[in-house]
Each structure stands twice: as C-alpha cells, then as structure tokens.
PDB file of N, CA and C in Angstrom:
ATOM      1  N   UNK A   1     144.342-106.701-215.030  1.00  0.00           N
ATOM      2  CA  UNK A   1     143.262-107.624-215.355  1.00  0.00           C
ATOM      3  C   UNK A   1     142.303-107.663-214.195  1.00  0.00           C
ATOM      4  N   UNK A   2     141.058-107.870-214.513  1.00  0.00           N
ATOM      5  CA  UNK A   2     140.067-107.939-213.463  1.00  0.00           C
ATOM      6  C   UNK A   2     139.248-109.188-213.666  1.00  0.00           C
ATOM      7  N   UNK A   3     138.862-109.815-212.575  1.00  0.00           N
ATOM      8  CA  UNK A   3     138.089-111.043-212.661  1.00  0.00           C
ATOM      9  C   UNK A   3     136.701-110.812-212.107  1.00  0.00           C
ATOM     10  N   UNK A   4     135.724-111.366-212.796  1.00  0.00           N
ATOM     11  CA  UNK A   4     134.341-111.313-212.341  1.00  0.00           C
ATOM     12  C   UNK A   4     133.725-112.666-212.655  1.00  0.00           C
ATOM     13  N   UNK A   5     132.833-113.152-211.801  1.00  0.00           N
ATOM     14  CA  UNK A   5     132.225-114.445-212.089  1.00  0.00           C
ATOM     15  C   UNK A   5     131.275-114.333-213.280  1.00  0.00           C
ATOM     16  N   UNK A   6     131.265-115.365-214.122  1.00  0.00           N
ATOM     17  CA  UNK A   6     130.311-115.402-215.224  1.00  0.00           C
ATOM     18  C   UNK A   6     129.021-116.012-214.711  1.00  0.00           C
ATOM     19  N   UNK A   7     128.029-116.150-215.594  1.00  0.00           N
ATOM     20  CA  UNK A   7     126.742-116.689-215.182  1.00  0.00           C
ATOM     21  C   UNK A   7     126.837-118.132-214.700  1.00  0.00           C
ATOM     22  N   UNK A   8     127.867-118.872-215.120  1.00  0.00           N
ATOM     23  CA  UNK A   8     127.998-120.259-214.668  1.00  0.00           C
ATOM     24  C   UNK A   8     128.992-120.412-213.520  1.00  0.00           C
ATOM     25  N   UNK A   9     129.462-119.279-212.967  1.00  0.00           N
ATOM     26  CA  UNK A   9     130.366-119.315-211.830  1.00  0.00           C
ATOM     27  C   UNK A   9     131.843-119.338-212.184  1.00  0.00           C
ATOM     28  N   UNK A  10     132.179-119.535-213.448  1.00  0.00           N
ATOM     29  CA  UNK A  10     133.574-119.544-213.887  1.00  0.00           C
ATOM     30  C   UNK A  10     134.086-118.111-213.985  1.00  0.00           C
ATOM     31  N   UNK A  11     135.262-117.819-213.444  1.00  0.00           N
ATOM     32  CA  UNK A  11     135.779-116.459-213.547  1.00  0.00           C
ATOM     33  C   UNK A  11     136.032-116.056-215.002  1.00  0.00           C
ATOM     34  N   UNK A  12     135.728-114.817-215.301  1.00  0.00           N
ATOM     35  CA  UNK A  12     135.980-114.266-216.626  1.00  0.00           C
ATOM     36  C   UNK A  12     137.086-113.236-216.466  1.00  0.00           C
ATOM     37  N   UNK A  13     138.114-113.363-217.274  1.00  0.00           N
ATOM     38  CA  UNK A  13     139.222-112.410-217.206  1.00  0.00           C
ATOM     39  C   UNK A  13     139.040-111.397-218.321  1.00  0.00           C
ATOM     40  N   UNK A  14     139.059-110.124-217.951  1.00  0.00           N
ATOM     41  CA  UNK A  14     138.977-109.096-218.974  1.00  0.00           C
ATOM     42  C   UNK A  14     140.218-108.241-218.856  1.00  0.00           C
ATOM     43  N   UNK A  15     140.952-108.144-219.956  1.00  0.00           N
ATOM     44  CA  UNK A  15     142.205-107.410-219.968  1.00  0.00           C
ATOM     45  C   UNK A  15     141.974-105.972-220.423  1.00  0.00           C
ATOM     46  N   UNK A  16     142.672-105.053-219.798  1.00  0.00           N
ATOM     47  CA  UNK A  16     142.579-103.655-220.204  1.00  0.00           C
ATOM     48  C   UNK A  16     143.196-103.508-221.587  1.00  0.00           C
ATOM     49  N   UNK A  17     142.537-102.723-222.424  1.00  0.00           N
ATOM     50  CA  UNK A  17     143.044-102.503-223.780  1.00  0.00           C
ATOM     51  C   UNK A  17     143.932-101.279-223.808  1.00  0.00           C
ATOM     52  N   UNK A  18     144.975-101.370-224.568  1.00  0.00           N
ATOM     53  CA  UNK A  18     145.862-100.237-224.767  1.00  0.00           C
ATOM     54  C   UNK A  18     145.240 -99.343-225.840  1.00  0.00           C
ATOM     55  N   UNK A  19     145.116 -98.060-225.553  1.00  0.00           N
ATOM     56  CA  UNK A  19     144.569 -97.117-226.518  1.00  0.00           C
ATOM     57  C   UNK A  19     145.491 -95.909-226.636  1.00  0.00           C
ATOM     58  N   UNK A  20     145.279 -95.124-227.669  1.00  0.00           N
ATOM     59  CA  UNK A  20     146.073 -93.934-227.934  1.00  0.00           C
ATOM     60  C   UNK A  20     145.234 -92.713-227.556  1.00  0.00           C
ATOM     61  N   UNK A  21     145.858 -91.723-226.909  1.00  0.00           N
ATOM     62  CA  UNK A  21     145.144 -90.495-226.575  1.00  0.00           C
ATOM     63  C   UNK A  21     144.948 -89.673-227.840  1.00  0.00           C
ATOM     64  N   UNK A  22     143.755 -89.121-228.009  1.00  0.00           N
ATOM     65  CA  UNK A  22     143.428 -88.357-229.205  1.00  0.00           C
ATOM     66  C   UNK A  22     144.373 -87.180-229.400  1.00  0.00           C
ATOM     67  N   UNK A  23     144.735 -86.492-228.326  1.00  0.00           N
ATOM     68  CA  UNK A  23     145.610 -85.324-228.479  1.00  0.00           C
ATOM     69  C   UNK A  23     146.953 -85.682-229.116  1.00  0.00           C
ATOM     70  N   UNK A  24     147.387 -86.941-228.985  1.00  0.00           N
ATOM     71  CA  UNK A  24     148.684 -87.346-229.549  1.00  0.00           C
ATOM     72  C   UNK A  24     148.596 -87.739-231.023  1.00  0.00           C
ATOM     73  N   UNK A  25     147.393 -87.781-231.593  1.00  0.00           N
ATOM     74  CA  UNK A  25     147.220 -88.263-232.965  1.00  0.00           C
ATOM     75  C   UNK A  25     147.487 -87.220-234.034  1.00  0.00           C
ATOM     76  N   UNK A  26     147.368 -85.974-233.725  1.00  0.00           N
ATOM     77  CA  UNK A  26     147.450 -84.927-234.743  1.00  0.00           C
ATOM     78  C   UNK A  26     148.895 -84.624-235.148  1.00  0.00           C
ATOM     79  N   UNK A  27     149.546 -85.662-235.684  1.00  0.00           N
ATOM     80  CA  UNK A  27     150.930 -85.540-236.156  1.00  0.00           C
ATOM     81  C   UNK A  27     151.042 -86.302-237.474  1.00  0.00           C
ATOM     82  N   UNK A  28     151.711 -85.702-238.464  1.00  0.00           N
ATOM     83  CA  UNK A  28     151.815 -86.344-239.779  1.00  0.00           C
ATOM     84  C   UNK A  28     152.393 -87.765-239.745  1.00  0.00           C
ATOM     85  N   UNK A  29     153.310 -88.045-238.840  1.00  0.00           N
ATOM     86  CA  UNK A  29     153.913 -89.383-238.810  1.00  0.00           C
ATOM     87  C   UNK A  29     152.934 -90.470-238.362  1.00  0.00           C
ATOM     88  N   UNK A  30     151.791 -90.094-237.820  1.00  0.00           N
ATOM     89  CA  UNK A  30     150.781 -91.074-237.395  1.00  0.00           C
ATOM     90  C   UNK A  30     149.804 -91.444-238.512  1.00  0.00           C
ATOM     91  N   UNK A  31     149.761 -90.633-239.580  1.00  0.00           N
ATOM     92  CA  UNK A  31     148.806 -90.854-240.668  1.00  0.00           C
ATOM     93  C   UNK A  31     149.094 -92.186-241.357  1.00  0.00           C
ATOM     94  N   UNK A  32     148.015 -92.863-241.753  1.00  0.00           N
ATOM     95  CA  UNK A  32     148.051 -94.162-242.437  1.00  0.00           C
ATOM     96  C   UNK A  32     148.482 -95.309-241.529  1.00  0.00           C
ATOM     97  N   UNK A  33     148.440 -95.094-240.223  1.00  0.00           N
ATOM     98  CA  UNK A  33     148.739 -96.168-239.267  1.00  0.00           C
ATOM     99  C   UNK A  33     147.473 -96.554-238.522  1.00  0.00           C
ATOM    100  N   UNK A  34     147.404 -97.798-238.127  1.00  0.00           N
ATOM    101  CA  UNK A  34     146.261 -98.288-237.372  1.00  0.00           C
ATOM    102  C   UNK A  34     146.368 -97.818-235.920  1.00  0.00           C
ATOM    103  N   UNK A  35     145.273 -97.293-235.384  1.00  0.00           N
ATOM    104  CA  UNK A  35     145.248 -96.731-234.036  1.00  0.00           C
ATOM    105  C   UNK A  35     144.023 -97.233-233.269  1.00  0.00           C
ATOM    106  N   UNK A  36     144.195 -97.641-232.016  1.00  0.00           N
ATOM    107  CA  UNK A  36     143.047 -97.939-231.162  1.00  0.00           C
ATOM    108  C   UNK A  36     142.768 -96.740-230.242  1.00  0.00           C
ATOM    109  N   UNK A  37     141.495 -96.413-230.047  1.00  0.00           N
ATOM    110  CA  UNK A  37     141.164 -95.370-229.092  1.00  0.00           C
ATOM    111  C   UNK A  37     139.820 -95.681-228.457  1.00  0.00           C
ATOM    112  N   UNK A  38     139.548 -95.024-227.358  1.00  0.00           N
ATOM    113  CA  UNK A  38     138.249 -95.197-226.713  1.00  0.00           C
ATOM    114  C   UNK A  38     137.807 -93.855-226.161  1.00  0.00           C
ATOM    115  N   UNK A  39     136.515 -93.706-226.038  1.00  0.00           N
ATOM    116  CA  UNK A  39     135.954 -92.470-225.513  1.00  0.00           C
ATOM    117  C   UNK A  39     134.449 -92.471-225.631  1.00  0.00           C
ATOM    118  N   UNK A  40     133.889 -91.286-225.444  1.00  0.00           N
ATOM    119  CA  UNK A  40     132.449 -91.097-225.450  1.00  0.00           C
ATOM    120  C   UNK A  40     132.014 -90.423-226.752  1.00  0.00           C
ATOM    121  N   UNK A  41     130.935 -90.919-227.351  1.00  0.00           N
ATOM    122  CA  UNK A  41     130.404 -90.325-228.574  1.00  0.00           C
ATOM    123  C   UNK A  41     129.721 -89.006-228.216  1.00  0.00           C
ATOM    124  N   UNK A  42     130.152 -87.902-228.869  1.00  0.00           N
ATOM    125  CA  UNK A  42     129.589 -86.587-228.564  1.00  0.00           C
ATOM    126  C   UNK A  42     128.738 -86.018-229.698  1.00  0.00           C
ATOM    127  N   UNK A  43     128.924 -86.502-230.920  1.00  0.00           N
ATOM    128  CA  UNK A  43     128.118 -86.068-232.063  1.00  0.00           C
ATOM    129  C   UNK A  43     128.073 -87.193-233.081  1.00  0.00           C
ATOM    130  N   UNK A  44     127.056 -87.146-233.960  1.00  0.00           N
ATOM    131  CA  UNK A  44     127.011 -88.084-235.073  1.00  0.00           C
ATOM    132  C   UNK A  44     126.244 -87.477-236.231  1.00  0.00           C
ATOM    133  N   UNK A  45     126.655 -87.851-237.453  1.00  0.00           N
ATOM    134  CA  UNK A  45     126.042 -87.330-238.670  1.00  0.00           C
ATOM    135  C   UNK A  45     125.950 -88.436-239.709  1.00  0.00           C
ATOM    136  N   UNK A  46     124.823 -88.508-240.414  1.00  0.00           N
ATOM    137  CA  UNK A  46     124.704 -89.427-241.541  1.00  0.00           C
ATOM    138  C   UNK A  46     125.383 -88.793-242.747  1.00  0.00           C
ATOM    139  N   UNK A  47     126.129 -89.594-243.514  1.00  0.00           N
ATOM    140  CA  UNK A  47     126.748 -89.131-244.755  1.00  0.00           C
ATOM    141  C   UNK A  47     126.325 -90.082-245.873  1.00  0.00           C
ATOM    142  N   UNK A  48     126.682 -89.776-247.095  1.00  0.00           N
ATOM    143  CA  UNK A  48     126.233 -90.554-248.251  1.00  0.00           C
ATOM    144  C   UNK A  48     126.528 -92.048-248.121  1.00  0.00           C
ATOM    145  N   UNK A  49     127.755 -92.414-247.776  1.00  0.00           N
ATOM    146  CA  UNK A  49     128.130 -93.826-247.723  1.00  0.00           C
ATOM    147  C   UNK A  49     128.304 -94.371-246.313  1.00  0.00           C
ATOM    148  N   UNK A  50     127.685 -93.768-245.319  1.00  0.00           N
ATOM    149  CA  UNK A  50     127.829 -94.264-243.953  1.00  0.00           C
ATOM    150  C   UNK A  50     127.545 -93.202-242.921  1.00  0.00           C
ATOM    151  N   UNK A  51     128.408 -93.161-241.906  1.00  0.00           N
ATOM    152  CA  UNK A  51     128.221 -92.260-240.774  1.00  0.00           C
ATOM    153  C   UNK A  51     129.533 -91.630-240.349  1.00  0.00           C
ATOM    154  N   UNK A  52     129.434 -90.447-239.769  1.00  0.00           N
ATOM    155  CA  UNK A  52     130.522 -89.798-239.050  1.00  0.00           C
ATOM    156  C   UNK A  52     130.075 -89.714-237.604  1.00  0.00           C
ATOM    157  N   UNK A  53     130.962 -90.015-236.691  1.00  0.00           N
ATOM    158  CA  UNK A  53     130.661 -89.746-235.282  1.00  0.00           C
ATOM    159  C   UNK A  53     131.931 -89.263-234.613  1.00  0.00           C
ATOM    160  N   UNK A  54     131.751 -88.361-233.646  1.00  0.00           N
ATOM    161  CA  UNK A  54     132.895 -87.741-232.979  1.00  0.00           C
ATOM    162  C   UNK A  54     133.045 -88.334-231.589  1.00  0.00           C
ATOM    163  N   UNK A  55     134.287 -88.716-231.264  1.00  0.00           N
ATOM    164  CA  UNK A  55     134.602 -89.331-229.974  1.00  0.00           C
ATOM    165  C   UNK A  55     135.477 -88.373-229.169  1.00  0.00           C
ATOM    166  N   UNK A  56     135.178 -88.266-227.887  1.00  0.00           N
ATOM    167  CA  UNK A  56     135.956 -87.445-226.949  1.00  0.00           C
ATOM    168  C   UNK A  56     136.529 -88.383-225.896  1.00  0.00           C
ATOM    169  N   UNK A  57     137.865 -88.361-225.730  1.00  0.00           N
ATOM    170  CA  UNK A  57     138.494 -89.238-224.738  1.00  0.00           C
ATOM    171  C   UNK A  57     139.020 -88.464-223.524  1.00  0.00           C
ATOM    172  N   UNK A  58     138.668 -87.176-223.427  1.00  0.00           N
ATOM    173  CA  UNK A  58     139.148 -86.356-222.317  1.00  0.00           C
ATOM    174  C   UNK A  58     140.401 -85.574-222.672  1.00  0.00           C
ATOM    175  N   UNK A  59     141.110 -85.991-223.758  1.00  0.00           N
ATOM    176  CA  UNK A  59     142.296 -85.248-224.193  1.00  0.00           C
ATOM    177  C   UNK A  59     142.014 -84.478-225.477  1.00  0.00           C
ATOM    178  N   UNK A  60     140.918 -84.817-226.135  1.00  0.00           N
ATOM    179  CA  UNK A  60     140.550 -84.173-227.390  1.00  0.00           C
ATOM    180  C   UNK A  60     139.414 -84.916-228.055  1.00  0.00           C
ATOM    181  N   UNK A  61     139.036 -84.441-229.242  1.00  0.00           N
ATOM    182  CA  UNK A  61     137.956 -85.049-229.998  1.00  0.00           C
ATOM    183  C   UNK A  61     138.452 -85.411-231.391  1.00  0.00           C
ATOM    184  N   UNK A  62     137.894 -86.495-231.939  1.00  0.00           N
ATOM    185  CA  UNK A  62     138.275 -86.953-233.264  1.00  0.00           C
ATOM    186  C   UNK A  62     137.050 -87.518-233.965  1.00  0.00           C
ATOM    187  N   UNK A  63     136.905 -87.181-235.265  1.00  0.00           N
ATOM    188  CA  UNK A  63     135.826 -87.746-236.068  1.00  0.00           C
ATOM    189  C   UNK A  63     136.205 -89.147-236.515  1.00  0.00           C
ATOM    190  N   UNK A  64     135.219 -90.034-236.505  1.00  0.00           N
ATOM    191  CA  UNK A  64     135.366 -91.410-236.958  1.00  0.00           C
ATOM    192  C   UNK A  64     134.457 -91.580-238.174  1.00  0.00           C
ATOM    193  N   UNK A  65     134.985 -92.155-239.262  1.00  0.00           N
ATOM    194  CA  UNK A  65     134.200 -92.446-240.454  1.00  0.00           C
ATOM    195  C   UNK A  65     133.879 -93.930-240.426  1.00  0.00           C
ATOM    196  N   UNK A  66     132.590 -94.255-240.571  1.00  0.00           N
ATOM    197  CA  UNK A  66     132.158 -95.644-240.459  1.00  0.00           C
ATOM    198  C   UNK A  66     131.144 -95.991-241.539  1.00  0.00           C
ATOM    199  N   UNK A  67     131.159 -97.243-241.981  1.00  0.00           N
ATOM    200  CA  UNK A  67     130.131 -97.746-242.886  1.00  0.00           C
ATOM    201  C   UNK A  67     128.937 -98.256-242.087  1.00  0.00           C
ATOM    202  N   UNK A  68     129.122 -98.458-240.778  1.00  0.00           N
ATOM    203  CA  UNK A  68     128.057 -98.937-239.901  1.00  0.00           C
ATOM    204  C   UNK A  68     127.262 -97.756-239.344  1.00  0.00           C
ATOM    205  N   UNK A  69     126.057 -98.042-238.850  1.00  0.00           N
ATOM    206  CA  UNK A  69     125.249 -97.047-238.171  1.00  0.00           C
ATOM    207  C   UNK A  69     126.031 -96.518-236.969  1.00  0.00           C
ATOM    208  N   UNK A  70     126.044 -95.208-236.774  1.00  0.00           N
ATOM    209  CA  UNK A  70     126.821 -94.605-235.669  1.00  0.00           C
ATOM    210  C   UNK A  70     126.228 -94.958-234.318  1.00  0.00           C
ATOM    211  N   UNK A  71     127.081 -95.108-233.299  1.00  0.00           N
ATOM    212  CA  UNK A  71     126.581 -95.343-231.945  1.00  0.00           C
ATOM    213  C   UNK A  71     125.830 -94.113-231.433  1.00  0.00           C
ATOM    214  N   UNK A  72     125.016 -94.314-230.436  1.00  0.00           N
ATOM    215  CA  UNK A  72     124.243 -93.219-229.845  1.00  0.00           C
ATOM    216  C   UNK A  72     125.155 -92.215-229.150  1.00  0.00           C
ATOM    217  N   UNK A  73     124.748 -90.956-229.153  1.00  0.00           N
ATOM    218  CA  UNK A  73     125.481 -89.933-228.405  1.00  0.00           C
ATOM    219  C   UNK A  73     125.485 -90.353-226.938  1.00  0.00           C
ATOM    220  N   UNK A  74     126.657 -90.290-226.311  1.00  0.00           N
ATOM    221  CA  UNK A  74     126.812 -90.707-224.920  1.00  0.00           C
ATOM    222  C   UNK A  74     127.366 -92.112-224.762  1.00  0.00           C
ATOM    223  N   UNK A  75     127.323 -92.910-225.836  1.00  0.00           N
ATOM    224  CA  UNK A  75     127.852 -94.281-225.758  1.00  0.00           C
ATOM    225  C   UNK A  75     129.369 -94.243-225.567  1.00  0.00           C
ATOM    226  N   UNK A  76     129.885 -95.184-224.792  1.00  0.00           N
ATOM    227  CA  UNK A  76     131.323 -95.360-224.613  1.00  0.00           C
ATOM    228  C   UNK A  76     131.765 -96.400-225.635  1.00  0.00           C
ATOM    229  N   UNK A  77     132.759 -96.049-226.459  1.00  0.00           N
ATOM    230  CA  UNK A  77     133.180 -96.949-227.526  1.00  0.00           C
ATOM    231  C   UNK A  77     134.681 -97.210-227.500  1.00  0.00           C
ATOM    232  N   UNK A  78     135.042 -98.372-228.013  1.00  0.00           N
ATOM    233  CA  UNK A  78     136.431 -98.720-228.323  1.00  0.00           C
ATOM    234  C   UNK A  78     136.462 -98.837-229.836  1.00  0.00           C
ATOM    235  N   UNK A  79     137.358 -98.092-230.479  1.00  0.00           N
ATOM    236  CA  UNK A  79     137.427 -98.067-231.941  1.00  0.00           C
ATOM    237  C   UNK A  79     138.862 -98.313-232.378  1.00  0.00           C
ATOM    238  N   UNK A  80     139.010 -99.115-233.410  1.00  0.00           N
ATOM    239  CA  UNK A  80     140.316 -99.301-234.023  1.00  0.00           C
ATOM    240  C   UNK A  80     140.158 -98.981-235.497  1.00  0.00           C
ATOM    241  N   UNK A  81     141.112 -98.214-236.031  1.00  0.00           N
ATOM    242  CA  UNK A  81     141.036 -97.853-237.431  1.00  0.00           C
ATOM    243  C   UNK A  81     142.304 -97.169-237.891  1.00  0.00           C
ATOM    244  N   UNK A  82     142.292 -96.738-239.134  1.00  0.00           N
ATOM    245  CA  UNK A  82     143.459 -96.105-239.744  1.00  0.00           C
ATOM    246  C   UNK A  82     143.296 -94.592-239.690  1.00  0.00           C
ATOM    247  N   UNK A  83     144.314 -93.931-239.156  1.00  0.00           N
ATOM    248  CA  UNK A  83     144.298 -92.472-239.070  1.00  0.00           C
ATOM    249  C   UNK A  83     144.537 -91.886-240.459  1.00  0.00           C
ATOM    250  N   UNK A  84     143.710 -90.933-240.828  1.00  0.00           N
ATOM    251  CA  UNK A  84     143.812 -90.262-242.129  1.00  0.00           C
ATOM    252  C   UNK A  84     143.855 -88.749-241.911  1.00  0.00           C
ATOM    253  N   UNK A  85     144.289 -88.036-242.952  1.00  0.00           N
ATOM    254  CA  UNK A  85     144.283 -86.577-242.925  1.00  0.00           C
ATOM    255  C   UNK A  85     143.594 -86.091-244.188  1.00  0.00           C
ATOM    256  N   UNK A  86     142.654 -85.183-244.051  1.00  0.00           N
ATOM    257  CA  UNK A  86     141.949 -84.608-245.194  1.00  0.00           C
ATOM    258  C   UNK A  86     142.324 -83.140-245.315  1.00  0.00           C
ATOM    259  N   UNK A  87     143.121 -82.780-246.334  1.00  0.00           N
ATOM    260  CA  UNK A  87     143.473 -81.363-246.505  1.00  0.00           C
ATOM    261  C   UNK A  87     142.281 -80.565-247.035  1.00  0.00           C
ATOM    262  N   UNK A  88     142.086 -79.394-246.491  1.00  0.00           N
ATOM    263  CA  UNK A  88     141.082 -78.449-246.971  1.00  0.00           C
ATOM    264  C   UNK A  88     141.809 -77.122-247.104  1.00  0.00           C
ATOM    265  N   UNK A  89     142.152 -76.755-248.331  1.00  0.00           N
ATOM    266  CA  UNK A  89     142.947 -75.550-248.564  1.00  0.00           C
ATOM    267  C   UNK A  89     142.036 -74.411-249.014  1.00  0.00           C
ATOM    268  N   UNK A  90     142.071 -73.335-248.246  1.00  0.00           N
ATOM    269  CA  UNK A  90     141.291 -72.128-248.554  1.00  0.00           C
ATOM    270  C   UNK A  90     142.255 -70.952-248.568  1.00  0.00           C
ATOM    271  N   UNK A  91     142.310 -70.259-249.692  1.00  0.00           N
ATOM    272  CA  UNK A  91     143.222 -69.123-249.857  1.00  0.00           C
ATOM    273  C   UNK A  91     144.662 -69.477-249.485  1.00  0.00           C
ATOM    274  N   UNK A  92     145.088 -70.678-249.881  1.00  0.00           N
ATOM    275  CA  UNK A  92     146.459 -71.098-249.626  1.00  0.00           C
ATOM    276  C   UNK A  92     146.731 -71.577-248.209  1.00  0.00           C
ATOM    277  N   UNK A  93     145.715 -71.602-247.356  1.00  0.00           N
ATOM    278  CA  UNK A  93     145.888 -72.042-245.967  1.00  0.00           C
ATOM    279  C   UNK A  93     145.210 -73.406-245.796  1.00  0.00           C
ATOM    280  N   UNK A  94     145.951 -74.374-245.261  1.00  0.00           N
ATOM    281  CA  UNK A  94     145.398 -75.710-245.038  1.00  0.00           C
ATOM    282  C   UNK A  94     144.618 -75.728-243.725  1.00  0.00           C
ATOM    283  N   UNK A  95     143.304 -75.895-243.835  1.00  0.00           N
ATOM    284  CA  UNK A  95     142.423 -75.974-242.667  1.00  0.00           C
ATOM    285  C   UNK A  95     141.933 -77.407-242.448  1.00  0.00           C
ATOM    286  N   UNK A  96     142.659 -78.367-243.023  1.00  0.00           N
ATOM    287  CA  UNK A  96     142.261 -79.765-242.941  1.00  0.00           C
ATOM    288  C   UNK A  96     142.319 -80.319-241.529  1.00  0.00           C
ATOM    289  N   UNK A  97     141.899 -81.579-241.395  1.00  0.00           N
ATOM    290  CA  UNK A  97     141.887 -82.197-240.078  1.00  0.00           C
ATOM    291  C   UNK A  97     142.102 -83.702-240.205  1.00  0.00           C
ATOM    292  N   UNK A  98     142.407 -84.314-239.076  1.00  0.00           N
ATOM    293  CA  UNK A  98     142.613 -85.750-238.965  1.00  0.00           C
ATOM    294  C   UNK A  98     141.292 -86.431-238.645  1.00  0.00           C
ATOM    295  N   UNK A  99     141.157 -87.687-239.105  1.00  0.00           N
ATOM    296  CA  UNK A  99     139.998 -88.503-238.766  1.00  0.00           C
ATOM    297  C   UNK A  99     140.423 -89.960-238.777  1.00  0.00           C
ATOM    298  N   UNK A 100     139.590 -90.830-238.226  1.00  0.00           N
ATOM    299  CA  UNK A 100     139.893 -92.257-238.168  1.00  0.00           C
ATOM    300  C   UNK A 100     138.926 -93.003-239.070  1.00  0.00           C
ATOM    301  N   UNK A 101     139.451 -93.840-239.966  1.00  0.00           N
ATOM    302  CA  UNK A 101     138.633 -94.717-240.803  1.00  0.00           C
ATOM    303  C   UNK A 101     138.426 -96.007-240.018  1.00  0.00           C
ATOM    304  N   UNK A 102     137.213 -96.201-239.508  1.00  0.00           N
ATOM    305  CA  UNK A 102     136.909 -97.315-238.612  1.00  0.00           C
ATOM    306  C   UNK A 102     137.058 -98.681-239.280  1.00  0.00           C
ATOM    307  N   UNK A 103     137.749 -99.600-238.572  1.00  0.00           N
ATOM    308  CA  UNK A 103     137.854-101.003-238.981  1.00  0.00           C
ATOM    309  C   UNK A 103     137.124-101.911-237.995  1.00  0.00           C
ATOM    310  N   UNK A 104     137.116-101.501-236.725  1.00  0.00           N
ATOM    311  CA  UNK A 104     136.538-102.329-235.659  1.00  0.00           C
ATOM    312  C   UNK A 104     135.951-101.401-234.614  1.00  0.00           C
ATOM    313  N   UNK A 105     134.799-101.789-234.053  1.00  0.00           N
ATOM    314  CA  UNK A 105     134.187-100.993-232.992  1.00  0.00           C
ATOM    315  C   UNK A 105     133.480-101.912-231.996  1.00  0.00           C
ATOM    316  N   UNK A 106     133.598-101.535-230.734  1.00  0.00           N
ATOM    317  CA  UNK A 106     132.852-102.232-229.683  1.00  0.00           C
ATOM    318  C   UNK A 106     132.256-101.182-228.767  1.00  0.00           C
ATOM    319  N   UNK A 107     131.005-101.375-228.405  1.00  0.00           N
ATOM    320  CA  UNK A 107     130.371-100.512-227.408  1.00  0.00           C
ATOM    321  C   UNK A 107     130.811-101.054-226.054  1.00  0.00           C
ATOM    322  N   UNK A 108     131.311-100.158-225.202  1.00  0.00           N
ATOM    323  CA  UNK A 108     131.788-100.592-223.890  1.00  0.00           C
ATOM    324  C   UNK A 108     130.661-100.469-222.870  1.00  0.00           C
ATOM    325  N   UNK A 109     130.556-101.489-222.053  1.00  0.00           N
ATOM    326  CA  UNK A 109     129.590-101.461-220.965  1.00  0.00           C
ATOM    327  C   UNK A 109     130.355-101.158-219.677  1.00  0.00           C
ATOM    328  N   UNK A 110     129.661-100.683-218.635  1.00  0.00           N
ATOM    329  CA  UNK A 110     130.365-100.301-217.396  1.00  0.00           C
ATOM    330  C   UNK A 110     131.253-101.400-216.819  1.00  0.00           C
ATOM    331  N   UNK A 111     130.940-102.670-217.051  1.00  0.00           N
ATOM    332  CA  UNK A 111     131.769-103.746-216.481  1.00  0.00           C
ATOM    333  C   UNK A 111     132.755-104.340-217.477  1.00  0.00           C
ATOM    334  N   UNK A 112     132.989-103.651-218.647  1.00  0.00           N
ATOM    335  CA  UNK A 112     133.980-104.193-219.590  1.00  0.00           C
ATOM    336  C   UNK A 112     135.248-103.372-219.567  1.00  0.00           C
TER     337      UNK A 112
END
C-alpha cells in the first residue's frame, strides 16, 4: 500500500490490485472465469456492437471486447472480465484464440 496526501491533507491509501499475467490465460481451464489484468493498449478497432482493443502486459497480448468506446493507444488500463475462447476452424485445424469480455475498466494514471 502506498500513501499520498489528498487535496485536503488527509492521506489516501491506494492498494495494489492483483492481476493475472496474459501469458497464463491461454488454457482451457481458465475459460468462462472472471479475470483481472492490466497493461498498455496497443491496438483498437471499432466493431458492429462496440470495440475491440488489445492489451499488452509485458508477458503477452490479449484482445478485449467492450461495449464502451476503446481507450486510446498507449493508455494504461485495468480490466476485469470473463475469459472466452472463439474457435476458428480452417481445414480441420483450430486457429481460434482467447479474448476477454470486459465487465469493468479503469484507466490508470501514473500515481494510481
């Protein structure tokens, strides 16, 4: 925990959040479970019913599906959502990938 004075002089306690490393998510037993992660937005795309944005946490990258407008590229985010897997089968080979269905998002500032 770290303490910093607020605007009225009262200390503000901010607790470190526990997050999951992206590289550890690509396992079938993690699918359909709620996962928190944080990282930097490296790409974003508009889709029919919302946005896709890709987060890199230093261990890997993962696409996030959101109904909200995607954060700017370079933004540091904390995201919580349900891990999903989308199969894409071509010639009998599954080329699918994992993604996170966003439930909660916060843009992180340097002092948070």
